[in-house]
Amino acid sequence: MNIVIVGDGKVGYTLADQLCREGYNITVIDKNADALMHTQETLDVMGVQGNGASIAVQTEAGVPDCDVLIAATSADEMNMLCCLTAKNLGVQHTIARIRNPEYMSQLQTLKEQFGLSMTVNPELEAAREIARVIKFSPALKIDTFSKGRVELIEFKISEESPIVGKMLKELPAATNTQILICAVDRNGEVIIPGGDFQLMQGDHIHITGTTRDITKFLRSIGENQVPIRTIMIVGGGRIGYYLSNMLLEERGIAIKIIEKDRERCDELCELLPRATIIHGDGSDIELLESEGMEQMDAFIALTGMDEENLIMSMVAGHKGIPKIVTKTGRFKYMALIARMGIDTVVNPKSTTTSQIVQYVRAMRNAEGSNIKTLHKILDGNAEAVEFAATETTRNLDIPLKNLRLKKNLLIAVIVRGGKVIIPHGQDVIQKDDSVIVVTSAHHLSDLNDIYREL
């Protein structure tokens, strides 16, 4: 499959890297010759220098013969124009990054006018991710499947946790819940565990199940929801705006935003009249303290500087703030930040990449798309994929214990007629089921990909 990416910035490079790893033929267009040279030296891609909206440049890059064009420049208007040009050259599938809040209310109209197959908004998705963990404080990260019926949460096991030393097969009886621990990060090693796997202090575990069962499980091990009513956000950019808009819909939540740009502060005062907007430098610890940092239930660092976010979050941890969220634009910082005890790390590029990879893999499926949801987990070292079982799915109605599944792969959840099933050996996959699979070693584009070759 041939893919053209317009824009060789952080998002474009991340997409090119991920899609190259999955075996696609990638061509990158960008005006910046130095950025293109770096990408071509580090990744197996072709590069074309020039204006990505130009018919001549797109033709040189092979757009008329490509399967999908992804426009990921920093300008929404440029991305839409690139996609329109590609449509006129005969490309069937186009994806545009659109970030401006002003366009959100007219997104469907824009998709129709520009012939967009898909739009992605990294900042909006990052805000949604943060909002989920703010509303459910024990979790470090929350992903959803099957229209919210199933959740996948990340949780760190503390030294005092009663499940330290227990094997996974002991948990259902010990906690009286139907949940499944489907992936574990132990000191940087990604593990898809079996029933005899023994939990240890410091493990980052990923739990699947219904919201009710996960909540019950966490309560049974002493991890109760802590109400979050006061929140300090440093950085009033798009993520800060989207997040505040979501959280202010909840009654009783007070939000204080610290932003160093005076003009942006004035805009936020108009856009978010119920929030408190402070003009100041959030990296100034004295300012944070004077604005009541220690009294906050949650601290969220969203500036454009990873280093500033890291330092501020470390200070927040030292002050004992219950919930801390840090934004980073670099994957290499995510594991480092987690080791420093900071609760939740958000990388907008990661969410965007997952959405686009899901779409591209669905295109590759010759029988038609049966990928419903895809989430990267464990810093991108594993993924959870939701499939629809169709008439083309092999091994229907055969007990799972009799299936020859690939290594490092686990069938985590089956959703049948709205009912969530944590599967055991006697359970089967039926036509029209939703099946959630977790794997650390495979790029799955079809439910039939889970089986070993005969």
Protein backbone atom coordinates (compact mmCIF):
# COMPACT_ATOMS: atom_id res chain seq x y z
CA MET A 1 0.00 0.00 0.00
CA ASN A 2 1.31 3.45 -0.98
CA ILE A 3 0.84 6.33 1.48
CA VAL A 4 1.80 9.99 1.05
CA ILE A 5 2.23 12.18 4.14
CA VAL A 6 2.26 15.96 3.75
CA GLY A 7 4.10 17.59 6.64
CA ASP A 8 7.35 16.40 8.17
CA GLY A 9 6.86 17.84 11.64
CA LYS A 10 6.47 15.86 14.86
CA VAL A 11 3.16 14.26 13.89
CA GLY A 12 4.21 13.58 10.29
CA TYR A 13 7.48 11.97 11.36
CA THR A 14 5.75 9.84 14.01
CA LEU A 15 3.21 8.63 11.45
CA ALA A 16 5.92 7.86 8.90
CA ASP A 17 7.87 5.90 11.51
CA GLN A 18 4.87 3.83 12.62
CA LEU A 19 3.56 3.12 9.12
CA CYS A 20 7.06 2.19 7.89
CA ARG A 21 7.30 -0.35 10.69
CA GLU A 22 4.10 -1.91 9.42
CA GLY A 23 5.47 -2.37 5.91
CA TYR A 24 3.77 0.42 3.96
CA ASN A 25 5.48 2.39 1.19
CA ILE A 26 5.77 5.96 2.49
CA THR A 27 6.50 9.22 0.69
CA VAL A 28 6.82 12.45 2.70
CA ILE A 29 6.29 15.96 1.29
CA ASP A 30 7.63 19.04 3.06
CA LYS A 31 9.14 22.43 2.21
CA ASN A 32 11.95 21.99 4.73
CA ALA A 33 14.89 20.27 3.03
CA ASP A 34 16.74 19.63 6.31
CA ALA A 35 13.73 17.95 7.92
CA LEU A 36 13.24 15.75 4.86
CA MET A 37 16.90 14.77 4.81
CA HIS A 38 16.76 13.76 8.48
CA THR A 39 13.62 11.68 7.90
CA GLN A 40 15.09 9.95 4.85
CA GLU A 41 18.30 9.18 6.73
CA THR A 42 16.49 7.66 9.72
CA LEU A 43 13.47 6.03 8.07
CA ASP A 44 12.95 3.98 4.91
CA VAL A 45 10.88 6.63 3.11
CA MET A 46 10.96 8.72 -0.05
CA GLY A 47 11.06 12.52 0.28
CA VAL A 48 9.78 15.24 -2.01
CA GLN A 49 10.53 18.89 -1.26
CA GLY A 50 7.85 21.45 -2.08
CA ASN A 51 4.37 22.79 -1.44
CA GLY A 52 2.12 19.88 -0.48
CA ALA A 53 -0.94 21.57 -1.99
CA SER A 54 0.68 21.90 -5.42
CA ILE A 55 -0.57 19.61 -8.15
CA ALA A 56 2.95 19.38 -9.59
CA VAL A 57 4.51 18.45 -6.25
CA GLN A 58 1.80 15.90 -5.45
CA THR A 59 2.22 14.37 -8.92
CA GLU A 60 5.99 14.10 -8.39
CA ALA A 61 5.31 12.37 -5.06
CA GLY A 62 3.08 9.79 -6.75
CA VAL A 63 -0.17 11.00 -5.23
CA PRO A 64 -2.32 10.02 -8.26
CA ASP A 65 -1.30 6.38 -7.68
CA CYS A 66 -1.32 6.35 -3.87
CA ASP A 67 -3.92 4.66 -1.68
CA VAL A 68 -4.19 7.37 0.97
CA LEU A 69 -2.93 10.91 1.53
CA ILE A 70 -2.44 12.18 5.08
CA ALA A 71 -2.14 15.95 5.54
CA ALA A 72 -0.41 16.67 8.87
CA THR A 73 1.04 20.16 8.51
CA SER A 74 0.65 22.73 11.29
CA ALA A 75 -2.03 24.68 9.36
CA ASP A 76 -5.60 23.34 9.18
CA GLU A 77 -6.37 25.25 5.99
CA MET A 78 -3.27 23.86 4.29
CA ASN A 79 -4.26 20.33 5.28
CA MET A 80 -7.74 20.70 3.82
CA LEU A 81 -6.33 22.15 0.60
CA CYS A 82 -3.84 19.29 0.29
CA CYS A 83 -6.66 16.80 0.61
CA LEU A 84 -8.78 18.64 -1.96
CA THR A 85 -5.89 18.60 -4.43
CA ALA A 86 -5.38 14.88 -3.83
CA LYS A 87 -9.09 14.23 -4.40
CA ASN A 88 -8.88 16.05 -7.74
CA LEU A 89 -5.95 13.79 -8.64
CA GLY A 90 -8.12 10.74 -7.99
CA VAL A 91 -7.12 9.70 -4.46
CA GLN A 92 -10.00 7.92 -2.75
CA HIS A 93 -8.85 8.20 0.88
CA THR A 94 -7.68 11.48 2.44
CA ILE A 95 -7.03 12.30 6.10
CA ALA A 96 -6.57 15.82 7.48
CA ARG A 97 -5.35 17.06 10.82
CA ILE A 98 -7.77 19.80 11.93
CA ARG A 99 -7.12 21.41 15.31
CA ASN A 100 -8.80 24.80 15.45
CA PRO A 101 -11.79 24.81 17.84
CA GLU A 102 -13.61 27.16 15.45
CA TYR A 103 -13.86 24.35 12.89
CA MET A 104 -15.26 21.73 15.28
CA SER A 105 -18.91 22.80 14.92
CA GLN A 106 -18.73 22.59 11.11
CA LEU A 107 -16.58 19.47 10.81
CA GLN A 108 -19.16 17.40 8.94
CA THR A 109 -19.66 20.17 6.38
CA LEU A 110 -15.90 20.50 5.89
CA LYS A 111 -15.55 16.74 5.39
CA GLU A 112 -18.19 16.84 2.67
CA GLN A 113 -16.84 19.96 0.93
CA PHE A 114 -13.23 18.78 0.89
CA GLY A 115 -14.00 15.08 0.41
CA LEU A 116 -12.22 14.08 3.60
CA SER A 117 -12.34 10.44 4.62
CA MET A 118 -11.24 11.23 8.16
CA THR A 119 -10.18 14.14 10.37
CA VAL A 120 -7.95 13.96 13.44
CA ASN A 121 -7.53 16.48 16.25
CA PRO A 122 -4.60 15.54 18.53
CA GLU A 123 -5.35 18.23 21.10
CA LEU A 124 -9.03 17.32 21.40
CA GLU A 125 -8.23 13.62 21.82
CA ALA A 126 -5.55 14.43 24.41
CA ALA A 127 -8.09 16.53 26.33
CA ARG A 128 -10.59 13.66 26.27
CA GLU A 129 -7.90 11.29 27.58
CA ILE A 130 -7.07 13.64 30.46
CA ALA A 131 -10.76 14.20 31.27
CA ARG A 132 -11.28 10.45 31.63
CA VAL A 133 -8.47 10.02 34.16
CA ILE A 134 -9.56 13.14 36.08
CA LYS A 135 -13.05 11.67 36.47
CA PHE A 136 -11.62 8.29 37.56
CA SER A 137 -8.59 9.20 39.65
CA PRO A 138 -7.08 5.73 40.43
CA ALA A 139 -6.35 5.20 36.71
CA LEU A 140 -3.20 6.41 35.00
CA LYS A 141 -4.77 6.04 31.54
CA ILE A 142 -8.20 4.99 30.27
CA ASP A 143 -9.19 3.76 26.80
CA THR A 144 -12.69 2.71 25.80
CA PHE A 145 -14.12 0.09 23.46
CA SER A 146 -17.52 -1.06 22.22
CA LYS A 147 -19.16 2.37 22.59
CA GLY A 148 -18.04 2.69 26.19
CA ARG A 149 -19.20 -0.74 27.37
CA VAL A 150 -15.60 -1.87 27.95
CA GLU A 151 -12.72 0.06 29.47
CA LEU A 152 -9.00 -0.59 29.44
CA ILE A 153 -7.26 1.17 32.31
CA GLU A 154 -3.64 1.45 33.33
CA PHE A 155 -2.90 1.16 37.04
CA LYS A 156 0.32 1.00 39.08
CA ILE A 157 0.60 -1.54 41.90
CA SER A 158 1.83 0.06 45.12
CA GLU A 159 3.99 -1.56 47.78
CA GLU A 160 1.02 -1.89 50.16
CA SER A 161 -1.37 -3.36 47.60
CA PRO A 162 -3.00 -6.65 48.69
CA ILE A 163 -2.50 -8.11 45.18
CA VAL A 164 1.32 -8.02 45.43
CA GLY A 165 2.52 -11.61 45.12
CA LYS A 166 -0.82 -12.96 43.86
CA MET A 167 -1.20 -14.90 40.63
CA LEU A 168 -3.69 -13.64 38.06
CA LYS A 169 -5.84 -16.74 38.30
CA GLU A 170 -6.42 -15.97 42.00
CA LEU A 171 -7.86 -12.50 41.45
CA PRO A 172 -11.49 -13.26 40.42
CA ALA A 173 -12.16 -15.21 43.61
CA ALA A 174 -10.16 -12.82 45.81
CA THR A 175 -11.93 -9.69 44.52
CA ASN A 176 -15.27 -11.16 43.38
CA THR A 177 -15.00 -9.34 40.05
CA GLN A 178 -14.89 -10.22 36.38
CA ILE A 179 -11.85 -8.35 35.13
CA LEU A 180 -8.77 -9.38 33.16
CA ILE A 181 -5.21 -8.14 33.50
CA CYS A 182 -4.18 -8.30 29.85
CA ALA A 183 -0.80 -6.54 29.75
CA VAL A 184 1.97 -5.67 32.21
CA ASP A 185 4.93 -3.31 32.06
CA ARG A 186 7.57 -4.56 34.51
CA ASN A 187 10.69 -2.38 34.55
CA GLY A 188 10.29 -1.61 30.85
CA GLU A 189 9.55 -5.21 29.80
CA VAL A 190 6.16 -5.70 28.11
CA ILE A 191 4.41 -8.92 29.15
CA ILE A 192 1.18 -10.49 27.93
CA PRO A 193 0.56 -12.56 31.08
CA GLY A 194 -0.99 -15.97 31.68
CA GLY A 195 -2.92 -17.20 34.70
CA ASP A 196 0.23 -18.20 36.61
CA PHE A 197 1.79 -14.73 36.28
CA GLN A 198 2.61 -13.28 39.70
CA LEU A 199 2.10 -9.58 40.33
CA MET A 200 4.83 -7.43 41.87
CA GLN A 201 5.12 -3.98 43.42
CA GLY A 202 5.65 -1.30 40.76
CA ASP A 203 4.03 -3.27 37.94
CA HIS A 204 2.02 -1.14 35.51
CA ILE A 205 -0.97 -3.32 34.72
CA HIS A 206 -3.67 -2.89 32.09
CA ILE A 207 -7.10 -4.07 33.21
CA THR A 208 -10.08 -4.75 30.94
CA GLY A 209 -13.72 -5.06 31.97
CA THR A 210 -16.84 -3.02 32.47
CA THR A 211 -16.61 0.27 34.35
CA ARG A 212 -18.59 -1.30 37.19
CA ASP A 213 -16.33 -4.33 37.56
CA ILE A 214 -13.11 -2.31 37.28
CA THR A 215 -14.36 0.13 39.92
CA LYS A 216 -15.35 -2.77 42.17
CA PHE A 217 -11.95 -4.42 41.65
CA LEU A 218 -10.03 -1.27 42.58
CA ARG A 219 -12.20 -0.72 45.66
CA SER A 220 -11.58 -4.30 46.76
CA ILE A 221 -7.83 -3.65 46.80
CA GLY A 222 -8.20 -0.32 48.61
CA GLU A 223 -7.96 2.02 45.60
CA ASN A 224 -10.99 4.29 45.96
CA GLN A 225 -12.04 7.18 43.77
CA VAL A 226 -10.81 10.53 45.12
CA PRO A 227 -13.18 13.40 44.26
CA ILE A 228 -11.39 16.05 42.21
CA ARG A 229 -12.96 19.49 42.61
CA THR A 230 -10.05 21.94 42.24
CA ILE A 231 -7.72 21.80 39.25
CA MET A 232 -4.73 23.91 38.24
CA ILE A 233 -3.79 23.87 34.54
CA VAL A 234 -0.52 25.43 33.38
CA GLY A 235 -0.75 26.22 29.68
CA GLY A 236 -3.80 27.72 28.03
CA GLY A 237 -3.35 26.29 24.54
CA ARG A 238 -5.81 24.13 22.64
CA ILE A 239 -5.58 21.16 25.01
CA GLY A 240 -6.13 23.41 28.02
CA TYR A 241 -9.15 25.01 26.35
CA TYR A 242 -10.75 21.73 25.25
CA LEU A 243 -10.14 20.13 28.65
CA SER A 244 -11.52 23.06 30.64
CA ASN A 245 -14.59 23.19 28.44
CA MET A 246 -15.26 19.50 29.17
CA LEU A 247 -14.62 19.63 32.90
CA LEU A 248 -16.56 22.83 33.53
CA GLU A 249 -19.69 20.98 32.42
CA GLU A 250 -19.37 19.04 35.68
CA ARG A 251 -20.91 20.76 38.69
CA GLY A 252 -18.64 21.83 41.50
CA ILE A 253 -15.32 21.74 39.60
CA ALA A 254 -13.17 24.86 39.89
CA ILE A 255 -10.45 25.39 37.27
CA LYS A 256 -7.54 27.81 37.41
CA ILE A 257 -5.50 28.29 34.20
CA ILE A 258 -2.06 29.91 34.21
CA GLU A 259 -0.96 31.24 30.81
CA LYS A 260 2.05 33.46 30.04
CA ASP A 261 0.67 35.01 26.82
CA ARG A 262 -1.48 38.04 27.69
CA GLU A 263 -3.46 38.00 24.46
CA ARG A 264 -4.29 34.35 24.92
CA CYS A 265 -5.41 35.08 28.50
CA ASP A 266 -7.89 37.64 27.16
CA GLU A 267 -9.22 35.05 24.68
CA LEU A 268 -9.62 32.45 27.41
CA CYS A 269 -11.51 34.89 29.62
CA GLU A 270 -14.10 35.21 26.86
CA LEU A 271 -14.16 31.53 25.93
CA LEU A 272 -14.18 30.18 29.52
CA PRO A 273 -15.99 32.72 31.73
CA ARG A 274 -16.39 30.16 34.56
CA ALA A 275 -12.66 29.48 34.81
CA THR A 276 -10.10 31.62 36.64
CA ILE A 277 -7.43 32.83 34.20
CA ILE A 278 -4.06 33.96 35.59
CA HIS A 279 -1.52 35.81 33.44
CA GLY A 280 1.89 34.56 34.48
CA ASP A 281 4.76 32.14 33.92
CA GLY A 282 3.74 28.68 35.15
CA SER A 283 7.38 27.65 35.51
CA ASP A 284 7.69 30.21 38.32
CA ILE A 285 7.24 28.03 41.40
CA GLU A 286 6.57 31.06 43.63
CA LEU A 287 3.67 32.01 41.37
CA LEU A 288 2.23 28.49 41.54
CA GLU A 289 2.47 28.51 45.33
CA SER A 290 0.88 31.94 45.61
CA GLU A 291 -2.04 30.73 43.46
CA GLY A 292 -2.77 27.86 45.84
CA MET A 293 -0.98 24.98 44.21
CA GLU A 294 -0.86 22.93 47.42
CA GLN A 295 -4.65 23.08 47.85
CA MET A 296 -5.37 21.61 44.41
CA ASP A 297 -6.80 18.14 43.87
CA ALA A 298 -5.17 17.91 40.43
CA PHE A 299 -2.27 19.58 38.64
CA ILE A 300 -2.02 19.45 34.83
CA ALA A 301 1.10 20.66 32.96
CA LEU A 302 0.28 21.46 29.32
CA THR A 303 2.89 23.95 28.14
CA GLY A 304 4.76 23.48 24.88
CA MET A 305 8.02 22.78 26.75
CA ASP A 306 8.43 19.18 27.90
CA GLU A 307 11.16 20.12 30.35
CA GLU A 308 8.99 22.76 32.03
CA ASN A 309 6.10 20.32 32.29
CA LEU A 310 8.37 17.74 33.89
CA ILE A 311 9.81 20.13 36.49
CA MET A 312 6.40 21.58 37.40
CA SER A 313 4.95 18.09 37.77
CA MET A 314 7.81 17.01 40.02
CA VAL A 315 7.13 20.02 42.23
CA ALA A 316 3.43 19.13 42.29
CA GLY A 317 4.33 15.60 43.36
CA HIS A 318 6.54 16.97 46.13
CA LYS A 319 3.61 19.08 47.32
CA GLY A 320 1.45 15.96 47.60
CA ILE A 321 -1.15 16.85 44.98
CA PRO A 322 -3.30 13.70 44.53
CA LYS A 323 -3.52 13.70 40.71
CA ILE A 324 -0.81 14.89 38.32
CA VAL A 325 -0.98 14.88 34.52
CA THR A 326 1.94 15.83 32.27
CA LYS A 327 1.99 16.44 28.52
CA THR A 328 5.04 15.46 26.51
CA GLY A 329 5.68 15.58 22.80
CA ARG A 330 8.52 13.06 22.96
CA PHE A 331 8.05 9.34 23.34
CA LYS A 332 11.50 8.95 24.92
CA TYR A 333 10.38 11.05 27.89
CA MET A 334 7.29 8.97 28.68
CA ALA A 335 9.03 6.09 30.46
CA LEU A 336 11.36 8.52 32.28
CA ILE A 337 8.43 10.58 33.57
CA ALA A 338 6.57 7.46 34.70
CA ARG A 339 9.62 6.31 36.71
CA MET A 340 9.61 9.65 38.52
CA GLY A 341 6.23 8.85 40.01
CA ILE A 342 4.15 11.25 37.91
CA ASP A 343 0.65 9.82 37.53
CA THR A 344 -0.37 10.27 33.92
CA VAL A 345 1.65 11.12 30.82
CA VAL A 346 -0.20 12.27 27.71
CA ASN A 347 1.29 12.34 24.22
CA PRO A 348 -1.09 13.84 21.61
CA LYS A 349 0.89 12.32 18.74
CA SER A 350 0.31 8.81 20.10
CA THR A 351 -3.47 9.14 20.01
CA THR A 352 -3.40 10.58 16.49
CA THR A 353 -1.16 7.79 15.25
CA SER A 354 -3.46 5.12 16.69
CA GLN A 355 -6.50 6.60 14.93
CA ILE A 356 -4.78 6.79 11.55
CA VAL A 357 -3.17 3.35 11.83
CA GLN A 358 -6.62 1.93 12.62
CA TYR A 359 -8.02 3.48 9.45
CA VAL A 360 -5.10 2.37 7.25
CA ARG A 361 -5.19 -1.21 8.50
CA ALA A 362 -8.90 -1.35 7.85
CA MET A 363 -8.23 -0.30 4.25
CA ARG A 364 -5.74 -3.15 3.90
CA ASN A 365 -8.33 -5.73 4.87
CA ALA A 366 -9.46 -7.20 1.53
CA GLU A 367 -12.71 -8.50 3.00
CA GLY A 368 -13.68 -5.02 4.22
CA SER A 369 -12.99 -3.33 7.52
CA ASN A 370 -13.68 -5.22 10.72
CA ILE A 371 -11.40 -3.10 12.91
CA LYS A 372 -13.64 -1.07 15.20
CA THR A 373 -11.14 0.47 17.65
CA LEU A 374 -7.36 0.52 18.10
CA HIS A 375 -5.40 1.87 21.06
CA LYS A 376 -1.63 1.91 21.52
CA ILE A 377 -0.66 1.02 25.10
CA LEU A 378 2.52 0.61 27.15
CA ASP A 379 4.24 3.57 25.45
CA GLY A 380 3.37 2.17 22.03
CA ASN A 381 4.97 -1.24 22.70
CA ALA A 382 1.63 -3.06 22.63
CA GLU A 383 -1.83 -2.46 21.28
CA ALA A 384 -5.44 -3.36 21.99
CA VAL A 385 -7.61 -3.85 18.91
CA GLU A 386 -11.37 -4.34 18.75
CA PHE A 387 -12.65 -6.43 15.83
CA ALA A 388 -16.10 -7.34 14.55
CA ALA A 389 -16.48 -11.07 13.97
CA THR A 390 -18.05 -11.62 10.54
CA GLU A 391 -19.02 -14.54 8.33
CA THR A 392 -15.42 -14.55 7.01
CA THR A 393 -13.94 -15.03 10.51
CA ARG A 394 -12.39 -18.47 10.92
CA ASN A 395 -12.93 -20.79 13.89
CA LEU A 396 -16.32 -19.45 14.95
CA ASP A 397 -18.08 -21.43 17.72
CA ILE A 398 -14.90 -23.29 18.64
CA PRO A 399 -13.85 -23.14 22.35
CA LEU A 400 -10.97 -20.73 22.85
CA LYS A 401 -8.91 -23.43 24.59
CA ASN A 402 -8.82 -25.33 21.27
CA LEU A 403 -7.58 -22.40 19.17
CA ARG A 404 -3.97 -22.05 18.04
CA LEU A 405 -3.32 -18.39 18.83
CA LYS A 406 -0.12 -16.54 18.05
CA LYS A 407 2.34 -15.93 20.85
CA ASN A 408 2.24 -12.68 22.83
CA LEU A 409 -1.45 -12.33 22.09
CA LEU A 410 -4.52 -12.50 24.31
CA ILE A 411 -8.26 -12.44 23.65
CA ALA A 412 -9.23 -10.02 26.41
CA VAL A 413 -12.97 -9.38 25.99
CA ILE A 414 -15.92 -10.57 23.92
CA VAL A 415 -18.97 -8.32 23.63
CA ARG A 416 -22.12 -10.14 22.50
CA GLY A 417 -25.46 -8.38 22.19
CA GLY A 418 -24.34 -5.66 24.59
CA LYS A 419 -23.15 -8.20 27.19
CA VAL A 420 -19.47 -8.06 28.21
CA ILE A 421 -17.77 -11.44 28.55
CA ILE A 422 -14.35 -11.94 30.14
CA PRO A 423 -13.53 -15.11 28.22
CA HIS A 424 -12.40 -18.47 29.57
CA GLY A 425 -11.36 -21.64 27.81
CA GLN A 426 -14.92 -22.83 27.13
CA ASP A 427 -16.09 -19.53 25.61
CA VAL A 428 -16.38 -19.16 21.83
CA ILE A 429 -16.39 -16.38 19.25
CA GLN A 430 -19.68 -16.01 17.39
CA LYS A 431 -20.65 -14.05 14.30
CA ASP A 432 -21.42 -10.37 15.12
CA ASP A 433 -19.36 -10.47 18.35
CA SER A 434 -16.98 -7.64 19.15
CA VAL A 435 -13.64 -9.16 20.12
CA ILE A 436 -10.89 -7.17 21.88
CA VAL A 437 -7.39 -8.54 21.36
CA VAL A 438 -4.22 -7.38 23.15
CA THR A 439 -0.83 -8.08 21.60
CA SER A 440 2.77 -6.95 21.97
CA ALA A 441 4.23 -8.47 18.82
CA HIS A 442 1.78 -8.24 15.92
CA HIS A 443 0.21 -5.61 13.66
CA LEU A 444 -3.31 -6.98 13.35
CA SER A 445 -5.60 -5.81 10.55
CA ASP A 446 -8.13 -8.66 10.66
CA LEU A 447 -9.48 -10.98 13.35
CA ASN A 448 -8.12 -13.92 11.34
CA ASP A 449 -4.60 -12.58 11.96
CA ILE A 450 -4.72 -13.85 15.57
CA TYR A 451 -4.25 -17.48 14.53
CA ARG A 452 -0.99 -19.30 13.95
CA GLU A 453 -0.25 -20.47 10.45
CA LEU A 454 -1.23 -24.08 9.84
